[in-house]
Amino acid sequence: MRAWQGLLQGWLSARADGDWYARQCQDLAHATAGDRPLNLLFKAMGIAPRKLGKQDLALSEAEQRQARALQPGFDASRWSVDQAARVGLILAAAGNLPDGAAFAALLDELANQGDIQEQIALYQGFALYPQDPALLARAGEAVRSGIRPIFAAFALRNPWPQAMLPQAAWNQMAVKTFFLDLPLWPIQGLAERADQDLGEILCDLAAERAAAGRSLNLELWRLLALCPGERGHALLRQQYADTRPGTHEMYALQLAARESPHADVRALAPAGLPGIEFSDEWERLAQWRE
């Protein structure tokens, strides 16, 4: 966490009042019980937007490389300056805690008492937090949240869920993007974590949406093609046969088939252009919704 604090200090000093931020971090790092550190943390987090501003963090390529050297998959492309500062303040307050359980307790206090913007920063911060099982209960609260920006702060562009969530919780998180009308592509580790149980859930979801006459997020076909099973393969085959050529849905089905690790699914679509970046293509398809 010290390494992250150093990076955050550099980023914020280049964009805002780094001296103010450094003083708050120092006060939190050296706070005693008599100083009521939780109160100090809430006060600093509360005034951070006024002191530092809410502009986009907008990391340079060099800054992004430094961050990914600490945590592969780190992505702060949607962070603002005040959000980065709030995460850094949490890390500063956690510096003297004895273990992961104490850190989890601190996050619980913040989640229970903080406003929605402070909670968003808290869950974005999982990208920087230790990959400690003590934090799984708090992560589970994010997965269960029906508040769209809180769920998105944890689930999207974050390497922590891929590394740490149990399979059932990860499956729940992936499926929930469809219910909250969020894009799937920013979830990290789709190909690595998708499993047969998820494929069955997706087939059920597709059947329910079809019976209700409701439209489907086209990214469902991508996720299903990664973990189809016999039932999923049959559904993809049927969808491919029923979809008009030249439509967005046909392109999504073809893209899903080409990305699939399963040869029988790949055979549904003609070969695509070599060197295609699937994540870029799915981002382009999903932009109209995000």
Foldseek 3Di string as FASTA:
>chain_A
DVLLLVLLLVLQVVQFPSVVLVVLLVCLLPPDVVNVSLVSLQVCLVCLCVRRNFAQSPDDPVSVVSVCVVPPLADSRPGTNSLSSSLSSLCSNCVPPDDLLVSLVSLVVCVVPPDPSSLLSSQLSLLVDDLDPSNQVVLLCLLPDPPVSSVCSNFFSHCNCVVHPDLVSNLSSQVVCFVNLHANLRGPDLLPRQEQVSLVVLLVVVVVCVVVVHDGDLCSLLSCLSYPPPPRLVVLLVVCVPDDPPDLSNVSSQLSQCPHPDPSSVVSHDHDDPPDDSSVVSCVSSVVRD
